[in-house]
Amino acid sequence: MIVREYIDARDRQAVVSLWKQAFGYSSPHNDPLFAIDQKLKFGDGLFFVATETDELLGTVMAGYDGHRGWIYSLAVIPGRRNHGVGAALLRQAESALVAKGCPKVNLQILDTNAATIGFYEKQGYIVEPRISMGKKLHPPAKPR
């Protein structure tokens, strides 16, 4: 297994397929194609895939704003879950964040997703006494 940076022309179709299967997002802002395009605009090198003989095994995206790092879209194909793929992807994302000077990383999980919570706890993450809040922003109108 190799963990490497995402390559759009090579990985896009497989990532979209995996994310649709793993996350089943229904909101437009979570559309896999939109999410990939938005991430690529930053060019920050914080989007990774795990592959084996050209088969996509999993993905992870990270972000860093100079204050906190974030982990997003960690997904592994069903047949390779619980085989170290997710942990390897997470280590790669964390290492890349550390290299950028990131002192702390956060992530969000649905409180009903016990298996994912357990995975992150095994990786050293803890549940913090925080309330996660969000607001959907409408994109600005395109110039005419």
N, C-alpha and C. Protein backbone atom coordinates (compact mmCIF):
# COMPACT_ATOMS: atom_id res chain seq x y z
N MET A 1 0.84 -1.19 0.00
CA MET A 1 0.00 0.00 0.00
C MET A 1 0.89 1.25 0.00
N ILE A 2 0.45 2.22 -0.79
CA ILE A 2 1.16 3.50 -0.87
C ILE A 2 0.17 4.60 -0.48
N VAL A 3 0.61 5.54 0.36
CA VAL A 3 -0.16 6.74 0.65
C VAL A 3 0.57 7.88 -0.05
N ARG A 4 -0.16 8.60 -0.90
CA ARG A 4 0.44 9.67 -1.70
C ARG A 4 -0.56 10.80 -1.86
N GLU A 5 -0.07 11.90 -2.41
CA GLU A 5 -0.96 13.03 -2.70
C GLU A 5 -1.95 12.64 -3.79
N TYR A 6 -3.12 13.19 -3.69
CA TYR A 6 -4.17 13.03 -4.69
C TYR A 6 -3.71 13.60 -6.02
N ILE A 7 -3.98 12.88 -7.10
CA ILE A 7 -3.70 13.33 -8.47
C ILE A 7 -5.04 13.35 -9.19
N ASP A 8 -5.51 14.54 -9.54
CA ASP A 8 -6.87 14.70 -10.05
C ASP A 8 -7.17 13.79 -11.25
N ALA A 9 -6.36 13.84 -12.28
CA ALA A 9 -6.65 13.07 -13.49
C ALA A 9 -6.66 11.57 -13.22
N ARG A 10 -5.94 11.14 -12.24
CA ARG A 10 -5.80 9.72 -11.94
C ARG A 10 -6.82 9.22 -10.91
N ASP A 11 -7.18 10.09 -9.96
CA ASP A 11 -7.93 9.63 -8.78
C ASP A 11 -9.39 10.08 -8.72
N ARG A 12 -9.77 11.09 -9.47
CA ARG A 12 -11.08 11.74 -9.29
C ARG A 12 -12.25 10.74 -9.31
N GLN A 13 -12.36 9.93 -10.34
CA GLN A 13 -13.51 9.03 -10.47
C GLN A 13 -13.63 8.09 -9.27
N ALA A 14 -12.52 7.50 -8.86
CA ALA A 14 -12.54 6.55 -7.75
C ALA A 14 -12.87 7.23 -6.43
N VAL A 15 -12.35 8.45 -6.23
CA VAL A 15 -12.64 9.18 -5.00
C VAL A 15 -14.13 9.54 -4.93
N VAL A 16 -14.67 10.03 -6.04
CA VAL A 16 -16.10 10.37 -6.06
C VAL A 16 -16.94 9.14 -5.74
N SER A 17 -16.61 8.02 -6.32
CA SER A 17 -17.35 6.78 -6.08
C SER A 17 -17.26 6.36 -4.60
N LEU A 18 -16.05 6.41 -4.05
CA LEU A 18 -15.88 6.05 -2.64
C LEU A 18 -16.66 6.97 -1.73
N TRP A 19 -16.56 8.27 -1.94
CA TRP A 19 -17.25 9.22 -1.07
C TRP A 19 -18.76 9.06 -1.15
N LYS A 20 -19.29 8.81 -2.34
CA LYS A 20 -20.74 8.60 -2.46
C LYS A 20 -21.16 7.38 -1.65
N GLN A 21 -20.35 6.35 -1.71
CA GLN A 21 -20.65 5.12 -0.97
C GLN A 21 -20.47 5.32 0.53
N ALA A 22 -19.38 5.94 0.93
CA ALA A 22 -19.04 6.06 2.35
C ALA A 22 -19.87 7.10 3.09
N PHE A 23 -20.14 8.22 2.43
CA PHE A 23 -20.76 9.34 3.13
C PHE A 23 -22.22 9.57 2.76
N GLY A 24 -22.61 9.25 1.55
CA GLY A 24 -23.99 9.43 1.13
C GLY A 24 -24.52 10.84 1.32
N TYR A 25 -23.66 11.83 1.14
CA TYR A 25 -24.06 13.22 1.34
C TYR A 25 -25.20 13.61 0.41
N SER A 26 -26.13 14.41 0.93
CA SER A 26 -27.23 14.88 0.10
C SER A 26 -27.21 16.39 -0.09
N SER A 27 -26.41 17.13 0.69
CA SER A 27 -26.33 18.58 0.56
C SER A 27 -25.44 18.96 -0.61
N PRO A 28 -25.82 20.00 -1.38
CA PRO A 28 -24.97 20.42 -2.51
C PRO A 28 -23.55 20.78 -2.11
N HIS A 29 -23.36 21.38 -0.91
CA HIS A 29 -22.00 21.77 -0.52
C HIS A 29 -21.12 20.58 -0.20
N ASN A 30 -21.72 19.40 -0.03
CA ASN A 30 -20.94 18.19 0.22
C ASN A 30 -20.80 17.31 -1.02
N ASP A 31 -21.29 17.78 -2.17
CA ASP A 31 -21.15 17.02 -3.40
C ASP A 31 -19.67 16.71 -3.63
N PRO A 32 -19.31 15.44 -3.88
CA PRO A 32 -17.89 15.10 -4.02
C PRO A 32 -17.15 15.91 -5.09
N LEU A 33 -17.76 16.14 -6.23
CA LEU A 33 -17.08 16.90 -7.28
C LEU A 33 -16.81 18.33 -6.83
N PHE A 34 -17.80 18.94 -6.17
CA PHE A 34 -17.64 20.30 -5.65
C PHE A 34 -16.54 20.33 -4.58
N ALA A 35 -16.57 19.36 -3.66
CA ALA A 35 -15.57 19.31 -2.58
C ALA A 35 -14.16 19.16 -3.13
N ILE A 36 -13.99 18.30 -4.13
CA ILE A 36 -12.67 18.11 -4.72
C ILE A 36 -12.21 19.39 -5.40
N ASP A 37 -13.09 19.99 -6.19
CA ASP A 37 -12.72 21.24 -6.88
C ASP A 37 -12.33 22.33 -5.89
N GLN A 38 -13.09 22.47 -4.82
CA GLN A 38 -12.79 23.49 -3.81
C GLN A 38 -11.44 23.22 -3.15
N LYS A 39 -11.17 21.96 -2.82
CA LYS A 39 -9.90 21.62 -2.18
C LYS A 39 -8.72 21.91 -3.12
N LEU A 40 -8.87 21.55 -4.38
CA LEU A 40 -7.77 21.74 -5.33
C LEU A 40 -7.44 23.21 -5.55
N LYS A 41 -8.40 24.10 -5.35
CA LYS A 41 -8.15 25.53 -5.50
C LYS A 41 -7.06 26.00 -4.53
N PHE A 42 -6.94 25.35 -3.37
CA PHE A 42 -5.97 25.77 -2.37
C PHE A 42 -4.55 25.30 -2.67
N GLY A 43 -4.42 24.18 -3.35
CA GLY A 43 -3.09 23.69 -3.69
C GLY A 43 -2.17 23.53 -2.49
N ASP A 44 -2.74 23.11 -1.36
CA ASP A 44 -1.96 23.04 -0.12
C ASP A 44 -1.28 21.70 0.12
N GLY A 45 -1.48 20.72 -0.78
CA GLY A 45 -0.83 19.42 -0.62
C GLY A 45 -1.38 18.60 0.53
N LEU A 46 -2.61 18.88 0.95
CA LEU A 46 -3.19 18.18 2.10
C LEU A 46 -4.36 17.28 1.71
N PHE A 47 -4.25 16.63 0.58
CA PHE A 47 -5.27 15.70 0.10
C PHE A 47 -4.53 14.44 -0.31
N PHE A 48 -4.84 13.33 0.37
CA PHE A 48 -4.07 12.10 0.19
C PHE A 48 -4.98 10.92 -0.15
N VAL A 49 -4.40 9.97 -0.87
CA VAL A 49 -5.09 8.72 -1.17
C VAL A 49 -4.17 7.56 -0.82
N ALA A 50 -4.79 6.45 -0.49
CA ALA A 50 -4.06 5.19 -0.29
C ALA A 50 -4.40 4.31 -1.48
N THR A 51 -3.38 3.74 -2.11
CA THR A 51 -3.60 2.88 -3.26
C THR A 51 -2.77 1.60 -3.13
N GLU A 52 -3.22 0.61 -3.87
CA GLU A 52 -2.46 -0.64 -3.98
C GLU A 52 -2.69 -1.16 -5.39
N THR A 53 -1.63 -1.34 -6.13
CA THR A 53 -1.71 -1.74 -7.54
C THR A 53 -2.82 -0.99 -8.28
N ASP A 54 -2.76 0.31 -8.21
CA ASP A 54 -3.68 1.23 -8.90
C ASP A 54 -5.13 1.17 -8.41
N GLU A 55 -5.41 0.45 -7.34
CA GLU A 55 -6.75 0.44 -6.77
C GLU A 55 -6.80 1.45 -5.62
N LEU A 56 -7.79 2.32 -5.63
CA LEU A 56 -7.97 3.27 -4.53
C LEU A 56 -8.50 2.52 -3.31
N LEU A 57 -7.80 2.67 -2.19
CA LEU A 57 -8.23 2.03 -0.94
C LEU A 57 -8.89 3.02 0.00
N GLY A 58 -8.45 4.30 -0.05
CA GLY A 58 -9.01 5.27 0.88
C GLY A 58 -8.52 6.67 0.60
N THR A 59 -9.12 7.62 1.32
CA THR A 59 -8.80 9.04 1.15
C THR A 59 -8.78 9.74 2.50
N VAL A 60 -8.10 10.88 2.52
CA VAL A 60 -8.20 11.81 3.64
C VAL A 60 -7.82 13.20 3.11
N MET A 61 -8.54 14.18 3.58
CA MET A 61 -8.18 15.58 3.32
C MET A 61 -7.89 16.22 4.66
N ALA A 62 -6.97 17.15 4.65
CA ALA A 62 -6.68 17.93 5.85
C ALA A 62 -6.70 19.40 5.47
N GLY A 63 -6.83 20.24 6.46
CA GLY A 63 -6.79 21.67 6.24
C GLY A 63 -6.05 22.33 7.38
N TYR A 64 -5.45 23.47 7.11
CA TYR A 64 -4.75 24.22 8.14
C TYR A 64 -4.87 25.70 7.84
N ASP A 65 -5.34 26.45 8.81
CA ASP A 65 -5.56 27.89 8.62
C ASP A 65 -4.56 28.74 9.39
N GLY A 66 -3.53 28.11 9.94
CA GLY A 66 -2.54 28.85 10.72
C GLY A 66 -2.82 28.79 12.21
N HIS A 67 -3.99 28.31 12.58
CA HIS A 67 -4.36 28.21 13.99
C HIS A 67 -4.66 26.76 14.39
N ARG A 68 -5.53 26.12 13.63
CA ARG A 68 -5.89 24.72 13.89
C ARG A 68 -5.89 23.95 12.59
N GLY A 69 -5.60 22.67 12.72
CA GLY A 69 -5.73 21.77 11.58
C GLY A 69 -7.05 21.03 11.67
N TRP A 70 -7.48 20.54 10.54
CA TRP A 70 -8.72 19.78 10.47
C TRP A 70 -8.52 18.53 9.62
N ILE A 71 -9.22 17.48 9.97
CA ILE A 71 -9.25 16.24 9.20
C ILE A 71 -10.64 16.13 8.59
N TYR A 72 -10.67 15.85 7.30
CA TYR A 72 -11.93 15.70 6.56
C TYR A 72 -11.88 14.46 5.68
N SER A 73 -13.01 13.93 5.41
CA SER A 73 -13.21 12.92 4.35
C SER A 73 -12.26 11.73 4.43
N LEU A 74 -12.02 11.24 5.64
CA LEU A 74 -11.27 10.00 5.77
C LEU A 74 -12.25 8.87 5.47
N ALA A 75 -11.98 8.14 4.41
CA ALA A 75 -12.86 7.04 3.99
C ALA A 75 -12.00 5.91 3.47
N VAL A 76 -12.44 4.69 3.73
CA VAL A 76 -11.74 3.49 3.28
C VAL A 76 -12.76 2.55 2.65
N ILE A 77 -12.38 1.90 1.55
CA ILE A 77 -13.30 0.97 0.91
C ILE A 77 -13.67 -0.13 1.91
N PRO A 78 -14.91 -0.61 1.85
CA PRO A 78 -15.38 -1.58 2.86
C PRO A 78 -14.47 -2.79 3.05
N GLY A 79 -13.94 -3.36 1.99
CA GLY A 79 -13.12 -4.57 2.12
C GLY A 79 -11.77 -4.36 2.78
N ARG A 80 -11.35 -3.12 2.97
CA ARG A 80 -10.04 -2.84 3.57
C ARG A 80 -10.14 -2.11 4.91
N ARG A 81 -11.35 -1.96 5.42
CA ARG A 81 -11.50 -1.34 6.74
C ARG A 81 -10.94 -2.27 7.81
N ASN A 82 -10.41 -1.69 8.86
CA ASN A 82 -9.81 -2.45 9.97
C ASN A 82 -8.56 -3.22 9.54
N HIS A 83 -7.86 -2.70 8.53
CA HIS A 83 -6.61 -3.29 8.07
C HIS A 83 -5.48 -2.28 8.03
N GLY A 84 -5.63 -1.14 8.72
CA GLY A 84 -4.55 -0.17 8.82
C GLY A 84 -4.54 0.92 7.76
N VAL A 85 -5.46 0.87 6.80
CA VAL A 85 -5.49 1.87 5.75
C VAL A 85 -5.86 3.24 6.32
N GLY A 86 -6.92 3.30 7.10
CA GLY A 86 -7.35 4.56 7.70
C GLY A 86 -6.29 5.15 8.61
N ALA A 87 -5.66 4.30 9.40
CA ALA A 87 -4.60 4.78 10.30
C ALA A 87 -3.43 5.34 9.51
N ALA A 88 -3.05 4.69 8.41
CA ALA A 88 -1.94 5.18 7.59
C ALA A 88 -2.29 6.53 6.95
N LEU A 89 -3.51 6.65 6.47
CA LEU A 89 -3.94 7.92 5.89
C LEU A 89 -3.93 9.03 6.94
N LEU A 90 -4.43 8.73 8.12
CA LEU A 90 -4.47 9.72 9.19
C LEU A 90 -3.06 10.14 9.60
N ARG A 91 -2.15 9.19 9.71
CA ARG A 91 -0.75 9.53 10.05
C ARG A 91 -0.14 10.44 8.99
N GLN A 92 -0.42 10.17 7.72
CA GLN A 92 0.11 11.01 6.65
C GLN A 92 -0.43 12.45 6.77
N ALA A 93 -1.73 12.57 7.00
CA ALA A 93 -2.34 13.89 7.15
C ALA A 93 -1.75 14.62 8.36
N GLU A 94 -1.62 13.92 9.48
CA GLU A 94 -1.05 14.54 10.68
C GLU A 94 0.39 14.98 10.45
N SER A 95 1.18 14.14 9.80
CA SER A 95 2.58 14.49 9.52
C SER A 95 2.67 15.73 8.63
N ALA A 96 1.81 15.79 7.63
CA ALA A 96 1.81 16.96 6.74
C ALA A 96 1.40 18.22 7.51
N LEU A 97 0.45 18.10 8.43
CA LEU A 97 0.05 19.25 9.25
C LEU A 97 1.19 19.69 10.16
N VAL A 98 1.86 18.74 10.79
CA VAL A 98 3.00 19.06 11.66
C VAL A 98 4.07 19.80 10.85
N ALA A 99 4.33 19.35 9.63
CA ALA A 99 5.34 19.98 8.78
C ALA A 99 4.98 21.44 8.46
N LYS A 100 3.70 21.75 8.51
CA LYS A 100 3.25 23.12 8.26
C LYS A 100 3.20 23.96 9.54
N GLY A 101 3.58 23.34 10.69
CA GLY A 101 3.59 24.06 11.95
C GLY A 101 2.30 23.98 12.73
N CYS A 102 1.43 23.09 12.37
CA CYS A 102 0.13 22.96 13.02
C CYS A 102 0.27 22.38 14.43
N PRO A 103 -0.26 23.09 15.46
CA PRO A 103 -0.11 22.61 16.84
C PRO A 103 -1.22 21.67 17.32
N LYS A 104 -2.39 21.68 16.65
CA LYS A 104 -3.53 20.90 17.12
C LYS A 104 -4.42 20.60 15.93
N VAL A 105 -5.04 19.42 15.96
CA VAL A 105 -5.94 19.04 14.88
C VAL A 105 -7.32 18.70 15.46
N ASN A 106 -8.34 19.07 14.73
CA ASN A 106 -9.73 18.80 15.10
C ASN A 106 -10.40 18.00 14.00
N LEU A 107 -11.50 17.38 14.34
CA LEU A 107 -12.34 16.74 13.35
C LEU A 107 -13.75 16.65 13.92
N GLN A 108 -14.69 16.42 13.04
CA GLN A 108 -16.08 16.28 13.46
C GLN A 108 -16.60 14.92 13.01
N ILE A 109 -17.40 14.31 13.87
CA ILE A 109 -18.00 13.01 13.60
C ILE A 109 -19.45 13.10 14.06
N LEU A 110 -20.34 12.47 13.32
CA LEU A 110 -21.72 12.38 13.80
C LEU A 110 -21.73 11.59 15.10
N ASP A 111 -22.47 12.07 16.08
CA ASP A 111 -22.48 11.40 17.39
C ASP A 111 -23.09 10.00 17.34
N THR A 112 -23.72 9.65 16.25
CA THR A 112 -24.31 8.32 16.09
C THR A 112 -23.34 7.33 15.44
N ASN A 113 -22.16 7.76 15.06
CA ASN A 113 -21.21 6.92 14.34
C ASN A 113 -20.19 6.30 15.29
N ALA A 114 -20.64 5.33 16.05
CA ALA A 114 -19.81 4.72 17.09
C ALA A 114 -18.53 4.09 16.54
N ALA A 115 -18.60 3.43 15.39
CA ALA A 115 -17.42 2.77 14.84
C ALA A 115 -16.33 3.79 14.50
N THR A 116 -16.73 4.92 13.95
CA THR A 116 -15.75 5.95 13.60
C THR A 116 -15.19 6.61 14.84
N ILE A 117 -16.02 6.84 15.82
CA ILE A 117 -15.54 7.39 17.09
C ILE A 117 -14.49 6.46 17.69
N GLY A 118 -14.77 5.16 17.69
CA GLY A 118 -13.82 4.17 18.20
C GLY A 118 -12.51 4.18 17.43
N PHE A 119 -12.59 4.30 16.11
CA PHE A 119 -11.37 4.37 15.30
C PHE A 119 -10.50 5.53 15.73
N TYR A 120 -11.09 6.73 15.84
CA TYR A 120 -10.29 7.91 16.20
C TYR A 120 -9.77 7.82 17.63
N GLU A 121 -10.54 7.25 18.53
CA GLU A 121 -10.03 7.07 19.90
C GLU A 121 -8.80 6.18 19.91
N LYS A 122 -8.79 5.13 19.08
CA LYS A 122 -7.61 4.26 18.98
C LYS A 122 -6.40 5.01 18.42
N GLN A 123 -6.64 6.09 17.70
CA GLN A 123 -5.56 6.89 17.12
C GLN A 123 -5.12 8.02 18.05
N GLY A 124 -5.69 8.06 19.27
CA GLY A 124 -5.28 9.06 20.26
C GLY A 124 -6.16 10.29 20.35
N TYR A 125 -7.25 10.32 19.62
CA TYR A 125 -8.17 11.45 19.68
C TYR A 125 -9.11 11.29 20.86
N ILE A 126 -9.54 12.41 21.41
CA ILE A 126 -10.47 12.39 22.54
C ILE A 126 -11.68 13.26 22.21
N VAL A 127 -12.78 12.94 22.85
CA VAL A 127 -13.97 13.78 22.73
C VAL A 127 -13.75 14.99 23.62
N GLU A 128 -13.83 16.17 23.04
CA GLU A 128 -13.64 17.41 23.79
C GLU A 128 -14.99 18.03 24.11
N PRO A 129 -15.08 18.71 25.26
CA PRO A 129 -16.35 19.35 25.62
C PRO A 129 -16.59 20.63 24.81
N ARG A 130 -17.03 20.44 23.58
CA ARG A 130 -17.28 21.55 22.68
C ARG A 130 -18.65 21.37 22.04
N ILE A 131 -19.19 22.42 21.56
CA ILE A 131 -20.39 22.35 20.74
C ILE A 131 -19.99 22.76 19.35
N SER A 132 -20.25 21.91 18.39
CA SER A 132 -19.94 22.23 17.01
C SER A 132 -21.12 22.99 16.42
N MET A 133 -20.82 24.12 15.83
CA MET A 133 -21.86 24.93 15.21
C MET A 133 -21.50 25.15 13.76
N GLY A 134 -22.48 25.36 12.93
CA GLY A 134 -22.23 25.59 11.52
C GLY A 134 -23.28 26.50 10.93
N LYS A 135 -22.96 27.05 9.81
CA LYS A 135 -23.89 27.91 9.08
C LYS A 135 -23.58 27.74 7.60
N LYS A 136 -24.59 27.45 6.82
CA LYS A 136 -24.40 27.34 5.38
C LYS A 136 -24.38 28.74 4.78
N LEU A 137 -23.32 29.02 4.04
CA LEU A 137 -23.19 30.30 3.36
C LEU A 137 -23.53 30.10 1.89
N HIS A 138 -24.31 30.98 1.36
CA HIS A 138 -24.64 30.91 -0.05
C HIS A 138 -23.48 31.49 -0.85
N PRO A 139 -23.07 30.83 -1.92
CA PRO A 139 -21.96 31.40 -2.70
C PRO A 139 -22.35 32.74 -3.30
N PRO A 140 -21.37 33.61 -3.45
CA PRO A 140 -21.68 34.92 -4.04
C PRO A 140 -22.18 34.77 -5.47
N ALA A 141 -23.01 35.71 -5.88
CA ALA A 141 -23.53 35.68 -7.24
C ALA A 141 -22.38 35.84 -8.22
N LYS A 142 -22.45 35.15 -9.33
CA LYS A 142 -21.42 35.26 -10.36
C LYS A 142 -21.60 36.58 -11.10
N PRO A 143 -20.49 37.24 -11.43
CA PRO A 143 -20.61 38.50 -12.17
C PRO A 143 -21.26 38.27 -13.53
N ARG A 144 -22.04 39.26 -13.95
CA ARG A 144 -22.73 39.13 -15.24
C ARG A 144 -21.86 39.53 -16.38
